[in-house]
């Protein structure tokens, strides 16, 4: 936490300049758009999860399990004769 408390406005300007140099001015709008879309998707998923959690739980439906038959041992004709 000590590192974040020492950040000032000049640090933000220098960080923005480094990001601008690294990504280039042409890629920044696409980067911002994708971050915004990701934030919107995350927000809607969180909202849908909280909506589902607030609804009463439906009856738990367990799938029917198929009957398990024991394996039949393989026998050769020599053993049966």
PDB file of N, CA and C in Angstrom:
ATOM      1  N   UNK A   1       0.813  -1.201   0.000  1.00  0.00           N
ATOM      2  CA  UNK A   1       0.000   0.000   0.000  1.00  0.00           C
ATOM      3  C   UNK A   1       0.848   1.253   0.000  1.00  0.00           C
ATOM      4  N   UNK A   2       2.056   1.201   0.530  1.00  0.00           N
ATOM      5  CA  UNK A   2       2.906   2.371   0.622  1.00  0.00           C
ATOM      6  C   UNK A   2       3.254   2.935  -0.743  1.00  0.00           C
ATOM      7  N   UNK A   3       3.359   2.061  -1.740  1.00  0.00           N
ATOM      8  CA  UNK A   3       3.706   2.510  -3.084  1.00  0.00           C
ATOM      9  C   UNK A   3       2.584   3.328  -3.706  1.00  0.00           C
ATOM     10  N   UNK A   4       1.358   2.926  -3.494  1.00  0.00           N
ATOM     11  CA  UNK A   4       0.226   3.638  -4.085  1.00  0.00           C
ATOM     12  C   UNK A   4      -0.032   4.985  -3.422  1.00  0.00           C
ATOM     13  N   UNK A   5       0.359   5.141  -2.183  1.00  0.00           N
ATOM     14  CA  UNK A   5       0.132   6.402  -1.478  1.00  0.00           C
ATOM     15  C   UNK A   5       1.069   7.497  -1.964  1.00  0.00           C
ATOM     16  N   UNK A   6       2.188   7.135  -2.581  1.00  0.00           N
ATOM     17  CA  UNK A   6       3.169   8.116  -3.023  1.00  0.00           C
ATOM     18  C   UNK A   6       2.934   8.604  -4.449  1.00  0.00           C
ATOM     19  N   UNK A   7       1.904   8.111  -5.130  1.00  0.00           N
ATOM     20  CA  UNK A   7       1.631   8.545  -6.504  1.00  0.00           C
ATOM     21  C   UNK A   7       1.034   9.946  -6.512  1.00  0.00           C
ATOM     22  N   UNK A   8       1.538  10.775  -7.423  1.00  0.00           N
ATOM     23  CA  UNK A   8       1.012  12.133  -7.556  1.00  0.00           C
ATOM     24  C   UNK A   8       0.492  12.320  -8.973  1.00  0.00           C
ATOM     25  N   UNK A   9       0.058  13.517  -9.283  1.00  0.00           N
ATOM     26  CA  UNK A   9      -0.435  13.826 -10.620  1.00  0.00           C
ATOM     27  C   UNK A   9       0.628  13.654 -11.690  1.00  0.00           C
ATOM     28  N   UNK A  10       1.873  13.995 -11.344  1.00  0.00           N
ATOM     29  CA  UNK A  10       2.955  13.856 -12.318  1.00  0.00           C
ATOM     30  C   UNK A  10       3.221  12.399 -12.651  1.00  0.00           C
ATOM     31  N   UNK A  11       3.058  11.541 -11.682  1.00  0.00           N
ATOM     32  CA  UNK A  11       3.234  10.120 -11.945  1.00  0.00           C
ATOM     33  C   UNK A  11       2.191   9.632 -12.947  1.00  0.00           C
ATOM     34  N   UNK A  12       0.967  10.100 -12.802  1.00  0.00           N
ATOM     35  CA  UNK A  12      -0.101   9.709 -13.720  1.00  0.00           C
ATOM     36  C   UNK A  12       0.194  10.213 -15.128  1.00  0.00           C
ATOM     37  N   UNK A  13       0.718  11.426 -15.256  1.00  0.00           N
ATOM     38  CA  UNK A  13       1.052  11.978 -16.570  1.00  0.00           C
ATOM     39  C   UNK A  13       2.164  11.164 -17.218  1.00  0.00           C
ATOM     40  N   UNK A  14       3.184  10.821 -16.444  1.00  0.00           N
ATOM     41  CA  UNK A  14       4.291  10.031 -16.983  1.00  0.00           C
ATOM     42  C   UNK A  14       3.808   8.636 -17.367  1.00  0.00           C
ATOM     43  N   UNK A  15       2.963   8.045 -16.554  1.00  0.00           N
ATOM     44  CA  UNK A  15       2.417   6.724 -16.855  1.00  0.00           C
ATOM     45  C   UNK A  15       1.569   6.761 -18.115  1.00  0.00           C
ATOM     46  N   UNK A  16       0.761   7.796 -18.286  1.00  0.00           N
ATOM     47  CA  UNK A  16      -0.048   7.948 -19.491  1.00  0.00           C
ATOM     48  C   UNK A  16       0.832   8.106 -20.725  1.00  0.00           C
ATOM     49  N   UNK A  17       1.924   8.858 -20.607  1.00  0.00           N
ATOM     50  CA  UNK A  17       2.842   9.038 -21.732  1.00  0.00           C
ATOM     51  C   UNK A  17       3.508   7.718 -22.115  1.00  0.00           C
ATOM     52  N   UNK A  18       3.876   6.920 -21.129  1.00  0.00           N
ATOM     53  CA  UNK A  18       4.489   5.619 -21.405  1.00  0.00           C
ATOM     54  C   UNK A  18       3.489   4.699 -22.092  1.00  0.00           C
ATOM     55  N   UNK A  19       2.242   4.695 -21.618  1.00  0.00           N
ATOM     56  CA  UNK A  19       1.203   3.877 -22.248  1.00  0.00           C
ATOM     57  C   UNK A  19       0.967   4.340 -23.680  1.00  0.00           C
ATOM     58  N   UNK A  20       0.950   5.635 -23.903  1.00  0.00           N
ATOM     59  CA  UNK A  20       0.750   6.183 -25.249  1.00  0.00           C
ATOM     60  C   UNK A  20       1.889   5.770 -26.171  1.00  0.00           C
ATOM     61  N   UNK A  21       3.112   5.805 -25.670  1.00  0.00           N
ATOM     62  CA  UNK A  21       4.254   5.382 -26.485  1.00  0.00           C
ATOM     63  C   UNK A  21       4.237   3.880 -26.743  1.00  0.00           C
ATOM     64  N   UNK A  22       3.828   3.132 -25.743  1.00  0.00           N
ATOM     65  CA  UNK A  22       3.838   1.676 -25.871  1.00  0.00           C
ATOM     66  C   UNK A  22       2.762   1.180 -26.835  1.00  0.00           C
ATOM     67  N   UNK A  23       1.540   1.655 -26.678  1.00  0.00           N
ATOM     68  CA  UNK A  23       0.440   1.169 -27.500  1.00  0.00           C
ATOM     69  C   UNK A  23       0.277   1.967 -28.785  1.00  0.00           C
ATOM     70  N   UNK A  24       0.664   3.205 -28.787  1.00  0.00           N
ATOM     71  CA  UNK A  24       0.462   4.041 -29.964  1.00  0.00           C
ATOM     72  C   UNK A  24      -0.914   4.668 -29.929  1.00  0.00           C
ATOM     73  N   UNK A  25      -1.017   5.845 -30.520  1.00  0.00           N
ATOM     74  CA  UNK A  25      -2.269   6.600 -30.488  1.00  0.00           C
ATOM     75  C   UNK A  25      -3.380   5.898 -31.266  1.00  0.00           C
ATOM     76  N   UNK A  26      -3.035   5.134 -32.289  1.00  0.00           N
ATOM     77  CA  UNK A  26      -4.076   4.493 -33.101  1.00  0.00           C
ATOM     78  C   UNK A  26      -4.745   3.332 -32.375  1.00  0.00           C
ATOM     79  N   UNK A  27      -4.056   2.695 -31.446  1.00  0.00           N
ATOM     80  CA  UNK A  27      -4.623   1.524 -30.766  1.00  0.00           C
ATOM     81  C   UNK A  27      -5.361   1.878 -29.485  1.00  0.00           C
ATOM     82  N   UNK A  28      -5.165   3.066 -28.954  1.00  0.00           N
ATOM     83  CA  UNK A  28      -5.798   3.420 -27.682  1.00  0.00           C
ATOM     84  C   UNK A  28      -7.320   3.442 -27.734  1.00  0.00           C
ATOM     85  N   UNK A  29      -7.969   3.981 -28.788  1.00  0.00           N
ATOM     86  CA  UNK A  29      -9.439   3.925 -28.809  1.00  0.00           C
ATOM     87  C   UNK A  29      -9.982   2.496 -28.802  1.00  0.00           C
ATOM     88  N   UNK A  30      -9.331   1.601 -29.543  1.00  0.00           N
ATOM     89  CA  UNK A  30      -9.772   0.205 -29.550  1.00  0.00           C
ATOM     90  C   UNK A  30      -9.558  -0.439 -28.187  1.00  0.00           C
ATOM     91  N   UNK A  31      -8.454  -0.096 -27.549  1.00  0.00           N
ATOM     92  CA  UNK A  31      -8.182  -0.622 -26.225  1.00  0.00           C
ATOM     93  C   UNK A  31      -9.230  -0.145 -25.222  1.00  0.00           C
ATOM     94  N   UNK A  32      -9.554   1.129 -25.270  1.00  0.00           N
ATOM     95  CA  UNK A  32     -10.565   1.680 -24.360  1.00  0.00           C
ATOM     96  C   UNK A  32     -11.935   1.067 -24.632  1.00  0.00           C
ATOM     97  N   UNK A  33     -12.258   0.860 -25.894  1.00  0.00           N
ATOM     98  CA  UNK A  33     -13.547   0.261 -26.255  1.00  0.00           C
ATOM     99  C   UNK A  33     -13.644  -1.170 -25.733  1.00  0.00           C
ATOM    100  N   UNK A  34     -12.578  -1.946 -25.881  1.00  0.00           N
ATOM    101  CA  UNK A  34     -12.614  -3.328 -25.417  1.00  0.00           C
ATOM    102  C   UNK A  34     -12.680  -3.404 -23.895  1.00  0.00           C
ATOM    103  N   UNK A  35     -12.008  -2.482 -23.208  1.00  0.00           N
ATOM    104  CA  UNK A  35     -12.090  -2.453 -21.749  1.00  0.00           C
ATOM    105  C   UNK A  35     -13.511  -2.101 -21.315  1.00  0.00           C
ATOM    106  N   UNK A  36     -14.146  -1.153 -22.010  1.00  0.00           N
ATOM    107  CA  UNK A  36     -15.527  -0.788 -21.694  1.00  0.00           C
ATOM    108  C   UNK A  36     -16.492  -1.936 -21.921  1.00  0.00           C
ATOM    109  N   UNK A  37     -16.320  -2.666 -23.028  1.00  0.00           N
ATOM    110  CA  UNK A  37     -17.186  -3.810 -23.302  1.00  0.00           C
ATOM    111  C   UNK A  37     -16.993  -4.893 -22.255  1.00  0.00           C
ATOM    112  N   UNK A  38     -15.755  -5.120 -21.860  1.00  0.00           N
ATOM    113  CA  UNK A  38     -15.486  -6.129 -20.837  1.00  0.00           C
ATOM    114  C   UNK A  38     -16.121  -5.735 -19.507  1.00  0.00           C
ATOM    115  N   UNK A  39     -16.043  -4.464 -19.177  1.00  0.00           N
ATOM    116  CA  UNK A  39     -16.645  -3.996 -17.919  1.00  0.00           C
ATOM    117  C   UNK A  39     -18.161  -4.147 -17.963  1.00  0.00           C
ATOM    118  N   UNK A  40     -18.779  -3.839 -19.120  1.00  0.00           N
ATOM    119  CA  UNK A  40     -20.226  -3.998 -19.246  1.00  0.00           C
ATOM    120  C   UNK A  40     -20.649  -5.457 -19.127  1.00  0.00           C
ATOM    121  N   UNK A  41     -19.904  -6.352 -19.765  1.00  0.00           N
ATOM    122  CA  UNK A  41     -20.221  -7.780 -19.692  1.00  0.00           C
ATOM    123  C   UNK A  41     -20.090  -8.267 -18.254  1.00  0.00           C
ATOM    124  N   UNK A  42     -19.009  -7.865 -17.591  1.00  0.00           N
ATOM    125  CA  UNK A  42     -18.798  -8.265 -16.200  1.00  0.00           C
ATOM    126  C   UNK A  42     -19.922  -7.758 -15.315  1.00  0.00           C
ATOM    127  N   UNK A  43     -20.331  -6.514 -15.531  1.00  0.00           N
ATOM    128  CA  UNK A  43     -21.391  -5.917 -14.726  1.00  0.00           C
ATOM    129  C   UNK A  43     -22.717  -6.655 -14.927  1.00  0.00           C
ATOM    130  N   UNK A  44     -23.032  -7.012 -16.179  1.00  0.00           N
ATOM    131  CA  UNK A  44     -24.285  -7.717 -16.437  1.00  0.00           C
ATOM    132  C   UNK A  44     -24.255  -9.132 -15.862  1.00  0.00           C
ATOM    133  N   UNK A  45     -23.097  -9.787 -15.912  1.00  0.00           N
ATOM    134  CA  UNK A  45     -22.990 -11.125 -15.337  1.00  0.00           C
ATOM    135  C   UNK A  45     -23.143 -11.080 -13.819  1.00  0.00           C
ATOM    136  N   UNK A  46     -22.564 -10.083 -13.180  1.00  0.00           N
ATOM    137  CA  UNK A  46     -22.703  -9.945 -11.732  1.00  0.00           C
ATOM    138  C   UNK A  46     -24.161  -9.681 -11.378  1.00  0.00           C
ATOM    139  N   UNK A  47     -24.830  -8.835 -12.175  1.00  0.00           N
ATOM    140  CA  UNK A  47     -26.240  -8.539 -11.910  1.00  0.00           C
ATOM    141  C   UNK A  47     -27.103  -9.785 -12.086  1.00  0.00           C
ATOM    142  N   UNK A  48     -26.835 -10.574 -13.121  1.00  0.00           N
ATOM    143  CA  UNK A  48     -27.638 -11.779 -13.337  1.00  0.00           C
ATOM    144  C   UNK A  48     -27.370 -12.810 -12.244  1.00  0.00           C
ATOM    145  N   UNK A  49     -26.148 -12.862 -11.748  1.00  0.00           N
ATOM    146  CA  UNK A  49     -25.830 -13.798 -10.672  1.00  0.00           C
ATOM    147  C   UNK A  49     -26.545 -13.401  -9.388  1.00  0.00           C
ATOM    148  N   UNK A  50     -26.591 -12.117  -9.088  1.00  0.00           N
ATOM    149  CA  UNK A  50     -27.278 -11.685  -7.876  1.00  0.00           C
ATOM    150  C   UNK A  50     -28.787 -11.852  -8.019  1.00  0.00           C
ATOM    151  N   UNK A  51     -29.317 -11.691  -9.235  1.00  0.00           N
ATOM    152  CA  UNK A  51     -30.744 -11.929  -9.455  1.00  0.00           C
ATOM    153  C   UNK A  51     -31.080 -13.391  -9.243  1.00  0.00           C
ATOM    154  N   UNK A  52     -30.223 -14.281  -9.722  1.00  0.00           N
ATOM    155  CA  UNK A  52     -30.466 -15.709  -9.551  1.00  0.00           C
ATOM    156  C   UNK A  52     -30.340 -16.106  -8.096  1.00  0.00           C
ATOM    157  N   UNK A  53     -29.451 -15.469  -7.381  1.00  0.00           N
ATOM    158  CA  UNK A  53     -29.261 -15.799  -5.973  1.00  0.00           C
ATOM    159  C   UNK A  53     -30.438 -15.331  -5.134  1.00  0.00           C
ATOM    160  N   UNK A  54     -31.099 -14.249  -5.541  1.00  0.00           N
ATOM    161  CA  UNK A  54     -32.215 -13.739  -4.761  1.00  0.00           C
ATOM    162  C   UNK A  54     -33.516 -14.496  -5.028  1.00  0.00           C
ATOM    163  N   UNK A  55     -33.610 -15.218  -6.151  1.00  0.00           N
ATOM    164  CA  UNK A  55     -34.798 -16.008  -6.453  1.00  0.00           C
ATOM    165  C   UNK A  55     -34.796 -17.262  -5.592  1.00  0.00           C
ATOM    166  N   UNK A  56     -35.994 -17.750  -5.215  1.00  0.00           N
ATOM    167  CA  UNK A  56     -36.029 -18.997  -4.443  1.00  0.00           C
ATOM    168  C   UNK A  56     -35.532 -20.159  -5.294  1.00  0.00           C
ATOM    169  N   UNK A  57     -34.842 -21.055  -4.664  1.00  0.00           N
ATOM    170  CA  UNK A  57     -34.260 -22.183  -5.389  1.00  0.00           C
ATOM    171  C   UNK A  57     -35.362 -23.139  -5.822  1.00  0.00           C
ATOM    172  N   UNK A  58     -35.284 -23.600  -7.045  1.00  0.00           N
ATOM    173  CA  UNK A  58     -36.240 -24.576  -7.557  1.00  0.00           C
ATOM    174  C   UNK A  58     -35.867 -25.946  -7.010  1.00  0.00           C
ATOM    175  N   UNK A  59     -36.771 -26.894  -7.150  1.00  0.00           N
ATOM    176  CA  UNK A  59     -36.488 -28.241  -6.679  1.00  0.00           C
ATOM    177  C   UNK A  59     -35.280 -28.787  -7.403  1.00  0.00           C
ATOM    178  N   UNK A  60     -34.452 -29.441  -6.665  1.00  0.00           N
ATOM    179  CA  UNK A  60     -33.265 -30.033  -7.263  1.00  0.00           C
ATOM    180  C   UNK A  60     -33.692 -31.259  -8.054  1.00  0.00           C
ATOM    181  N   UNK A  61     -33.363 -31.269  -9.311  1.00  0.00           N
ATOM    182  CA  UNK A  61     -33.716 -32.386 -10.166  1.00  0.00           C
ATOM    183  C   UNK A  61     -32.459 -33.200 -10.383  1.00  0.00           C
ATOM    184  N   UNK A  62     -32.524 -34.461  -9.963  1.00  0.00           N
ATOM    185  CA  UNK A  62     -31.374 -35.332 -10.175  1.00  0.00           C
ATOM    186  C   UNK A  62     -31.651 -36.217 -11.368  1.00  0.00           C
ATOM    187  N   UNK A  63     -30.707 -36.347 -12.251  1.00  0.00           N
ATOM    188  CA  UNK A  63     -30.943 -37.194 -13.427  1.00  0.00           C
ATOM    189  C   UNK A  63     -31.033 -38.658 -13.003  1.00  0.00           C
ATOM    190  N   UNK A  64     -31.883 -39.393 -13.696  1.00  0.00           N
ATOM    191  CA  UNK A  64     -32.041 -40.813 -13.402  1.00  0.00           C
ATOM    192  C   UNK A  64     -30.765 -41.532 -13.804  1.00  0.00           C
ATOM    193  N   UNK A  65     -30.282 -42.383 -12.918  1.00  0.00           N
ATOM    194  CA  UNK A  65     -29.060 -43.108 -13.223  1.00  0.00           C
ATOM    195  C   UNK A  65     -29.431 -44.414 -13.909  1.00  0.00           C
ATOM    196  N   UNK A  66     -28.731 -44.736 -14.968  1.00  0.00           N
ATOM    197  CA  UNK A  66     -29.053 -45.989 -15.661  1.00  0.00           C
ATOM    198  C   UNK A  66     -28.659 -47.188 -14.788  1.00  0.00           C
ATOM    199  N   UNK A  67     -29.381 -48.268 -14.969  1.00  0.00           N
ATOM    200  CA  UNK A  67     -29.088 -49.481 -14.220  1.00  0.00           C
ATOM    201  C   UNK A  67     -27.730 -50.011 -14.664  1.00  0.00           C
ATOM    202  N   UNK A  68     -26.924 -50.360 -13.702  1.00  0.00           N
ATOM    203  CA  UNK A  68     -25.593 -50.862 -14.013  1.00  0.00           C
ATOM    204  C   UNK A  68     -25.664 -52.372 -14.031  1.00  0.00           C
ATOM    205  N   UNK A  69     -25.268 -52.954 -15.141  1.00  0.00           N
ATOM    206  CA  UNK A  69     -25.252 -54.412 -15.242  1.00  0.00           C
ATOM    207  C   UNK A  69     -23.812 -54.872 -15.073  1.00  0.00           C
ATOM    208  N   UNK A  70     -23.629 -55.959 -14.344  1.00  0.00           N
ATOM    209  CA  UNK A  70     -22.257 -56.445 -14.152  1.00  0.00           C
ATOM    210  C   UNK A  70     -21.706 -56.974 -15.469  1.00  0.00           C
ATOM    211  N   UNK A  71     -20.413 -56.863 -15.663  1.00  0.00           N
ATOM    212  CA  UNK A  71     -19.832 -57.366 -16.912  1.00  0.00           C
ATOM    213  C   UNK A  71     -19.926 -58.893 -16.961  1.00  0.00           C
ATOM    214  N   UNK A  72     -20.147 -59.371 -18.147  1.00  0.00           N
ATOM    215  CA  UNK A  72     -20.254 -60.827 -18.358  1.00  0.00           C
ATOM    216  C   UNK A  72     -18.856 -61.345 -18.663  1.00  0.00           C
ATOM    217  N   UNK A  73     -18.384 -62.342 -17.932  1.00  0.00           N
ATOM    218  CA  UNK A  73     -17.046 -62.860 -18.224  1.00  0.00           C
ATOM    219  C   UNK A  73     -17.018 -63.552 -19.575  1.00  0.00           C
ATOM    220  N   UNK A  74     -15.957 -63.332 -20.275  1.00  0.00           N
ATOM    221  CA  UNK A  74     -15.811 -63.946 -21.606  1.00  0.00           C
ATOM    222  C   UNK A  74     -15.332 -65.374 -21.428  1.00  0.00           C
ATOM    223  N   UNK A  75     -16.043 -66.288 -22.056  1.00  0.00           N
ATOM    224  CA  UNK A  75     -15.633 -67.697 -21.991  1.00  0.00           C
ATOM    225  C   UNK A  75     -15.403 -68.204 -23.391  1.00  0.00           C
ATOM    226  N   UNK A  76     -14.445 -69.059 -23.536  1.00  0.00           N
ATOM    227  CA  UNK A  76     -14.174 -69.616 -24.859  1.00  0.00           C
ATOM    228  C   UNK A  76     -14.906 -70.944 -25.010  1.00  0.00           C
ATOM    229  N   UNK A  77     -15.004 -71.460 -26.202  1.00  0.00           N
ATOM    230  CA  UNK A  77     -15.683 -72.720 -26.465  1.00  0.00           C
ATOM    231  C   UNK A  77     -14.962 -73.891 -25.780  1.00  0.00           C
ATOM    232  N   UNK A  78     -13.682 -73.790 -25.628  1.00  0.00           N
ATOM    233  CA  UNK A  78     -12.918 -74.873 -25.027  1.00  0.00           C
ATOM    234  C   UNK A  78     -13.306 -75.052 -23.560  1.00  0.00           C
ATOM    235  N   UNK A  79     -13.593 -73.954 -22.877  1.00  0.00           N
ATOM    236  CA  UNK A  79     -13.959 -74.043 -21.458  1.00  0.00           C
ATOM    237  C   UNK A  79     -15.367 -74.615 -21.277  1.00  0.00           C
ATOM    238  N   UNK A  80     -16.269 -74.358 -22.196  1.00  0.00           N
ATOM    239  CA  UNK A  80     -17.648 -74.804 -22.050  1.00  0.00           C
ATOM    240  C   UNK A  80     -17.832 -76.234 -22.510  1.00  0.00           C
ATOM    241  N   UNK A  81     -16.941 -76.803 -23.313  1.00  0.00           N
ATOM    242  CA  UNK A  81     -17.101 -78.152 -23.834  1.00  0.00           C
ATOM    243  C   UNK A  81     -16.549 -79.195 -22.931  1.00  0.00           C
TER     244      UNK A  81
END
